[in-house]
Amino acid sequence: MPPAMYGFMRLTPSDDGQDENEAIRRELEAHASREGFALERLFIERLGAEEESAFFTLVDALKTTEVKHVIVPSLWHFARLPGLQAAMREHIERELGARLWIVQGVKAP
């Protein structure tokens, strides 16, 4: 059984297309599989929603499980501001010891 990997994506209120969301999920699953992982759980941050932050839920999961790999479609899914993207990436990689995989710019074989 391949090692587990978590996924993270961010949706804005205008991202209501279920087809696009499913396409992103499939892309993350396919990329994880090509790299020898199984996408165990996808954390979805919904901006404007009144639910708990998916990023904080992801961080908690990384702290309490053996999973140490996270895949995202692009750094934009963390934040729009480059400084905040870097801070979130650093938190995952340096403080939590997980590896961040970024799909953007990777061509499928």
N, C-alpha and C. Protein backbone atom coordinates (compact mmCIF):
# COMPACT_ATOMS: atom_id res chain seq x y z
N MET A 1 0.84 -1.18 0.00
CA MET A 1 0.00 0.00 0.00
C MET A 1 0.89 1.25 0.00
N PRO A 2 0.63 2.20 -0.90
CA PRO A 2 1.47 3.40 -0.95
C PRO A 2 1.28 4.28 0.28
N PRO A 3 2.31 5.06 0.63
CA PRO A 3 2.17 5.96 1.77
C PRO A 3 1.09 7.00 1.51
N ALA A 4 0.51 7.49 2.59
CA ALA A 4 -0.58 8.47 2.50
C ALA A 4 -0.06 9.88 2.29
N MET A 5 -0.88 10.67 1.64
CA MET A 5 -0.60 12.07 1.39
C MET A 5 -1.91 12.83 1.60
N TYR A 6 -1.81 14.03 2.15
CA TYR A 6 -2.97 14.89 2.27
C TYR A 6 -2.97 15.89 1.12
N GLY A 7 -4.15 16.35 0.75
CA GLY A 7 -4.29 17.39 -0.26
C GLY A 7 -4.95 18.61 0.35
N PHE A 8 -4.71 19.75 -0.26
CA PHE A 8 -5.32 21.00 0.20
C PHE A 8 -5.69 21.83 -1.02
N MET A 9 -6.90 22.37 -1.01
CA MET A 9 -7.31 23.30 -2.06
C MET A 9 -8.19 24.37 -1.45
N ARG A 10 -8.20 25.50 -2.11
CA ARG A 10 -8.94 26.67 -1.63
C ARG A 10 -10.00 27.03 -2.66
N LEU A 11 -11.21 27.27 -2.18
CA LEU A 11 -12.30 27.68 -3.05
C LEU A 11 -12.81 29.04 -2.62
N THR A 12 -13.06 29.90 -3.58
CA THR A 12 -13.69 31.18 -3.30
C THR A 12 -15.18 31.03 -3.55
N PRO A 13 -16.00 31.98 -3.06
CA PRO A 13 -17.44 31.87 -3.30
C PRO A 13 -17.80 31.75 -4.78
N SER A 14 -16.96 32.26 -5.66
CA SER A 14 -17.26 32.17 -7.09
C SER A 14 -16.90 30.81 -7.67
N ASP A 15 -16.17 29.99 -6.91
CA ASP A 15 -15.78 28.65 -7.36
C ASP A 15 -16.87 27.63 -7.05
N ASP A 16 -18.03 27.81 -7.67
CA ASP A 16 -19.13 26.91 -7.35
C ASP A 16 -19.29 25.80 -8.36
N GLY A 17 -18.38 25.72 -9.33
CA GLY A 17 -18.47 24.67 -10.34
C GLY A 17 -18.01 23.34 -9.80
N GLN A 18 -18.93 22.44 -9.54
CA GLN A 18 -18.58 21.12 -9.00
C GLN A 18 -17.66 20.36 -9.96
N ASP A 19 -17.86 20.55 -11.26
CA ASP A 19 -17.01 19.86 -12.23
C ASP A 19 -15.56 20.29 -12.08
N GLU A 20 -15.32 21.59 -11.90
CA GLU A 20 -13.96 22.08 -11.74
C GLU A 20 -13.34 21.56 -10.45
N ASN A 21 -14.12 21.56 -9.37
CA ASN A 21 -13.62 21.05 -8.09
C ASN A 21 -13.24 19.57 -8.21
N GLU A 22 -14.07 18.80 -8.90
CA GLU A 22 -13.80 17.38 -9.08
C GLU A 22 -12.58 17.18 -9.97
N ALA A 23 -12.41 18.05 -10.96
CA ALA A 23 -11.23 17.97 -11.84
C ALA A 23 -9.95 18.22 -11.04
N ILE A 24 -9.99 19.17 -10.12
CA ILE A 24 -8.82 19.45 -9.28
C ILE A 24 -8.54 18.24 -8.39
N ARG A 25 -9.57 17.66 -7.81
CA ARG A 25 -9.41 16.48 -6.97
C ARG A 25 -8.75 15.34 -7.77
N ARG A 26 -9.25 15.10 -8.98
CA ARG A 26 -8.68 14.03 -9.82
C ARG A 26 -7.22 14.33 -10.17
N GLU A 27 -6.92 15.60 -10.45
CA GLU A 27 -5.55 15.98 -10.78
C GLU A 27 -4.62 15.73 -9.59
N LEU A 28 -5.07 16.07 -8.39
CA LEU A 28 -4.26 15.84 -7.20
C LEU A 28 -4.07 14.34 -6.96
N GLU A 29 -5.14 13.56 -7.11
CA GLU A 29 -5.04 12.11 -6.94
C GLU A 29 -4.07 11.50 -7.96
N ALA A 30 -4.17 11.93 -9.21
CA ALA A 30 -3.30 11.39 -10.26
C ALA A 30 -1.84 11.74 -10.00
N HIS A 31 -1.58 12.98 -9.60
CA HIS A 31 -0.21 13.40 -9.32
C HIS A 31 0.35 12.63 -8.12
N ALA A 32 -0.45 12.48 -7.08
CA ALA A 32 -0.02 11.72 -5.90
C ALA A 32 0.33 10.29 -6.30
N SER A 33 -0.51 9.69 -7.11
CA SER A 33 -0.29 8.31 -7.54
C SER A 33 1.00 8.19 -8.36
N ARG A 34 1.24 9.13 -9.28
CA ARG A 34 2.47 9.11 -10.08
C ARG A 34 3.71 9.20 -9.21
N GLU A 35 3.58 9.88 -8.07
CA GLU A 35 4.72 10.05 -7.17
C GLU A 35 4.81 8.92 -6.14
N GLY A 36 3.89 7.95 -6.22
CA GLY A 36 3.95 6.80 -5.33
C GLY A 36 3.17 6.94 -4.04
N PHE A 37 2.20 7.86 -4.01
CA PHE A 37 1.40 8.11 -2.82
C PHE A 37 -0.08 7.84 -3.09
N ALA A 38 -0.84 7.75 -2.01
CA ALA A 38 -2.29 7.68 -2.09
C ALA A 38 -2.86 8.93 -1.42
N LEU A 39 -3.71 9.66 -2.13
CA LEU A 39 -4.34 10.85 -1.55
C LEU A 39 -5.37 10.37 -0.54
N GLU A 40 -5.03 10.48 0.73
CA GLU A 40 -5.88 9.94 1.79
C GLU A 40 -7.04 10.88 2.12
N ARG A 41 -6.75 12.17 2.14
CA ARG A 41 -7.78 13.14 2.53
C ARG A 41 -7.50 14.46 1.85
N LEU A 42 -8.57 15.12 1.40
CA LEU A 42 -8.45 16.43 0.76
C LEU A 42 -9.11 17.46 1.67
N PHE A 43 -8.33 18.42 2.12
CA PHE A 43 -8.83 19.50 2.95
C PHE A 43 -9.22 20.65 2.03
N ILE A 44 -10.47 21.11 2.13
CA ILE A 44 -10.97 22.15 1.23
C ILE A 44 -11.30 23.40 2.04
N GLU A 45 -10.54 24.45 1.77
CA GLU A 45 -10.76 25.76 2.41
C GLU A 45 -11.80 26.50 1.59
N ARG A 46 -12.91 26.84 2.20
CA ARG A 46 -13.97 27.57 1.52
C ARG A 46 -14.01 28.99 2.08
N LEU A 47 -13.50 29.93 1.30
CA LEU A 47 -13.47 31.32 1.74
C LEU A 47 -14.90 31.84 1.88
N GLY A 48 -15.13 32.56 2.94
CA GLY A 48 -16.45 33.11 3.18
C GLY A 48 -17.37 32.16 3.91
N ALA A 49 -16.96 30.94 4.11
CA ALA A 49 -17.77 29.97 4.84
C ALA A 49 -17.58 30.18 6.34
N GLU A 50 -18.56 29.78 7.09
CA GLU A 50 -18.50 29.97 8.54
C GLU A 50 -18.03 28.71 9.26
N GLU A 51 -17.28 27.88 8.57
CA GLU A 51 -16.78 26.66 9.18
C GLU A 51 -15.32 26.86 9.57
N GLU A 52 -14.80 25.92 10.33
CA GLU A 52 -13.41 25.99 10.77
C GLU A 52 -12.47 25.99 9.56
N SER A 53 -11.37 26.70 9.69
CA SER A 53 -10.38 26.78 8.62
C SER A 53 -9.83 25.40 8.28
N ALA A 54 -9.88 25.06 7.01
CA ALA A 54 -9.33 23.77 6.56
C ALA A 54 -7.82 23.74 6.74
N PHE A 55 -7.16 24.89 6.64
CA PHE A 55 -5.71 24.92 6.82
C PHE A 55 -5.36 24.52 8.25
N PHE A 56 -6.09 25.05 9.23
CA PHE A 56 -5.82 24.69 10.63
C PHE A 56 -6.14 23.22 10.89
N THR A 57 -7.18 22.70 10.23
CA THR A 57 -7.52 21.29 10.36
C THR A 57 -6.41 20.43 9.76
N LEU A 58 -5.86 20.86 8.61
CA LEU A 58 -4.72 20.17 8.00
C LEU A 58 -3.53 20.16 8.94
N VAL A 59 -3.21 21.31 9.51
CA VAL A 59 -2.08 21.42 10.44
C VAL A 59 -2.27 20.46 11.61
N ASP A 60 -3.48 20.42 12.18
CA ASP A 60 -3.75 19.50 13.29
C ASP A 60 -3.55 18.05 12.86
N ALA A 61 -4.01 17.71 11.66
CA ALA A 61 -3.85 16.35 11.15
C ALA A 61 -2.38 16.00 10.97
N LEU A 62 -1.58 16.94 10.48
CA LEU A 62 -0.15 16.69 10.32
C LEU A 62 0.54 16.49 11.67
N LYS A 63 0.03 17.15 12.70
CA LYS A 63 0.61 17.03 14.04
C LYS A 63 0.24 15.71 14.70
N THR A 64 -0.90 15.14 14.34
CA THR A 64 -1.43 13.99 15.08
C THR A 64 -1.41 12.68 14.30
N THR A 65 -0.89 12.70 13.07
CA THR A 65 -0.81 11.47 12.28
C THR A 65 0.62 11.28 11.78
N GLU A 66 0.84 10.18 11.11
CA GLU A 66 2.15 9.89 10.53
C GLU A 66 2.30 10.47 9.13
N VAL A 67 1.26 11.07 8.58
CA VAL A 67 1.31 11.63 7.23
C VAL A 67 2.22 12.85 7.23
N LYS A 68 3.17 12.87 6.30
CA LYS A 68 4.14 13.97 6.23
C LYS A 68 4.31 14.49 4.81
N HIS A 69 3.26 14.37 4.00
CA HIS A 69 3.28 14.88 2.63
C HIS A 69 1.95 15.57 2.34
N VAL A 70 2.05 16.77 1.74
CA VAL A 70 0.85 17.55 1.40
C VAL A 70 0.98 18.00 -0.05
N ILE A 71 -0.10 17.85 -0.80
CA ILE A 71 -0.11 18.25 -2.20
C ILE A 71 -1.14 19.36 -2.40
N VAL A 72 -0.75 20.37 -3.18
CA VAL A 72 -1.64 21.50 -3.51
C VAL A 72 -1.57 21.75 -5.01
N PRO A 73 -2.66 22.26 -5.60
CA PRO A 73 -2.63 22.58 -7.03
C PRO A 73 -1.62 23.68 -7.34
N SER A 74 -1.54 24.69 -6.47
CA SER A 74 -0.59 25.80 -6.61
C SER A 74 -0.51 26.51 -5.27
N LEU A 75 0.48 27.37 -5.10
CA LEU A 75 0.59 28.11 -3.85
C LEU A 75 -0.56 29.10 -3.67
N TRP A 76 -1.22 29.47 -4.77
CA TRP A 76 -2.38 30.36 -4.66
C TRP A 76 -3.45 29.74 -3.76
N HIS A 77 -3.49 28.43 -3.69
CA HIS A 77 -4.50 27.77 -2.85
C HIS A 77 -4.23 27.99 -1.37
N PHE A 78 -3.04 28.43 -1.01
CA PHE A 78 -2.77 28.84 0.37
C PHE A 78 -3.21 30.28 0.59
N ALA A 79 -2.81 31.16 -0.31
CA ALA A 79 -3.12 32.59 -0.17
C ALA A 79 -2.78 33.29 -1.47
N ARG A 80 -3.31 34.47 -1.64
CA ARG A 80 -2.99 35.25 -2.84
C ARG A 80 -1.70 36.04 -2.69
N LEU A 81 -1.37 36.42 -1.49
CA LEU A 81 -0.18 37.23 -1.25
C LEU A 81 1.06 36.34 -1.15
N PRO A 82 2.11 36.63 -1.91
CA PRO A 82 3.31 35.79 -1.90
C PRO A 82 3.93 35.62 -0.51
N GLY A 83 3.91 36.67 0.29
CA GLY A 83 4.48 36.57 1.64
C GLY A 83 3.72 35.59 2.52
N LEU A 84 2.40 35.60 2.40
CA LEU A 84 1.58 34.67 3.17
C LEU A 84 1.73 33.25 2.64
N GLN A 85 1.86 33.11 1.33
CA GLN A 85 2.12 31.79 0.74
C GLN A 85 3.41 31.21 1.32
N ALA A 86 4.44 32.04 1.36
CA ALA A 86 5.74 31.59 1.88
C ALA A 86 5.64 31.22 3.35
N ALA A 87 4.90 31.99 4.12
CA ALA A 87 4.75 31.70 5.55
C ALA A 87 4.02 30.38 5.78
N MET A 88 2.98 30.13 5.00
CA MET A 88 2.22 28.89 5.15
C MET A 88 3.06 27.70 4.72
N ARG A 89 3.80 27.88 3.63
CA ARG A 89 4.69 26.80 3.16
C ARG A 89 5.75 26.50 4.20
N GLU A 90 6.35 27.54 4.75
CA GLU A 90 7.39 27.36 5.76
C GLU A 90 6.83 26.66 7.00
N HIS A 91 5.61 27.01 7.37
CA HIS A 91 4.99 26.37 8.54
C HIS A 91 4.85 24.86 8.31
N ILE A 92 4.40 24.49 7.14
CA ILE A 92 4.23 23.07 6.84
C ILE A 92 5.57 22.35 6.76
N GLU A 93 6.53 22.96 6.06
CA GLU A 93 7.79 22.27 5.82
C GLU A 93 8.75 22.33 7.01
N ARG A 94 8.93 23.49 7.58
CA ARG A 94 9.95 23.62 8.62
C ARG A 94 9.42 23.33 10.01
N GLU A 95 8.24 23.84 10.31
CA GLU A 95 7.73 23.66 11.67
C GLU A 95 7.07 22.31 11.87
N LEU A 96 6.45 21.77 10.83
CA LEU A 96 5.75 20.49 10.96
C LEU A 96 6.55 19.33 10.36
N GLY A 97 7.60 19.64 9.61
CA GLY A 97 8.45 18.60 9.04
C GLY A 97 7.82 17.82 7.89
N ALA A 98 6.83 18.40 7.23
CA ALA A 98 6.17 17.74 6.11
C ALA A 98 6.74 18.26 4.79
N ARG A 99 6.59 17.48 3.76
CA ARG A 99 7.02 17.91 2.43
C ARG A 99 5.81 18.43 1.67
N LEU A 100 5.97 19.56 1.02
CA LEU A 100 4.90 20.16 0.23
C LEU A 100 5.15 19.87 -1.25
N TRP A 101 4.15 19.31 -1.92
CA TRP A 101 4.20 19.01 -3.35
C TRP A 101 3.28 20.01 -4.04
N ILE A 102 3.80 20.68 -5.06
CA ILE A 102 3.03 21.68 -5.80
C ILE A 102 2.86 21.19 -7.22
N VAL A 103 1.61 21.03 -7.65
CA VAL A 103 1.32 20.46 -8.96
C VAL A 103 1.56 21.47 -10.08
N GLN A 104 1.27 22.74 -9.85
CA GLN A 104 1.37 23.76 -10.90
C GLN A 104 2.73 23.70 -11.59
N GLY A 105 2.67 23.65 -12.89
CA GLY A 105 3.90 23.64 -13.67
C GLY A 105 4.47 22.25 -13.90
N VAL A 106 3.85 21.22 -13.33
CA VAL A 106 4.31 19.85 -13.53
C VAL A 106 3.51 19.23 -14.66
N LYS A 107 4.19 18.74 -15.66
CA LYS A 107 3.52 18.11 -16.80
C LYS A 107 3.33 16.62 -16.55
N ALA A 108 2.16 16.14 -16.89
CA ALA A 108 1.88 14.71 -16.75
C ALA A 108 2.67 13.94 -17.81
N PRO A 109 3.14 12.73 -17.47
CA PRO A 109 3.92 11.94 -18.44
C PRO A 109 3.06 11.47 -19.58
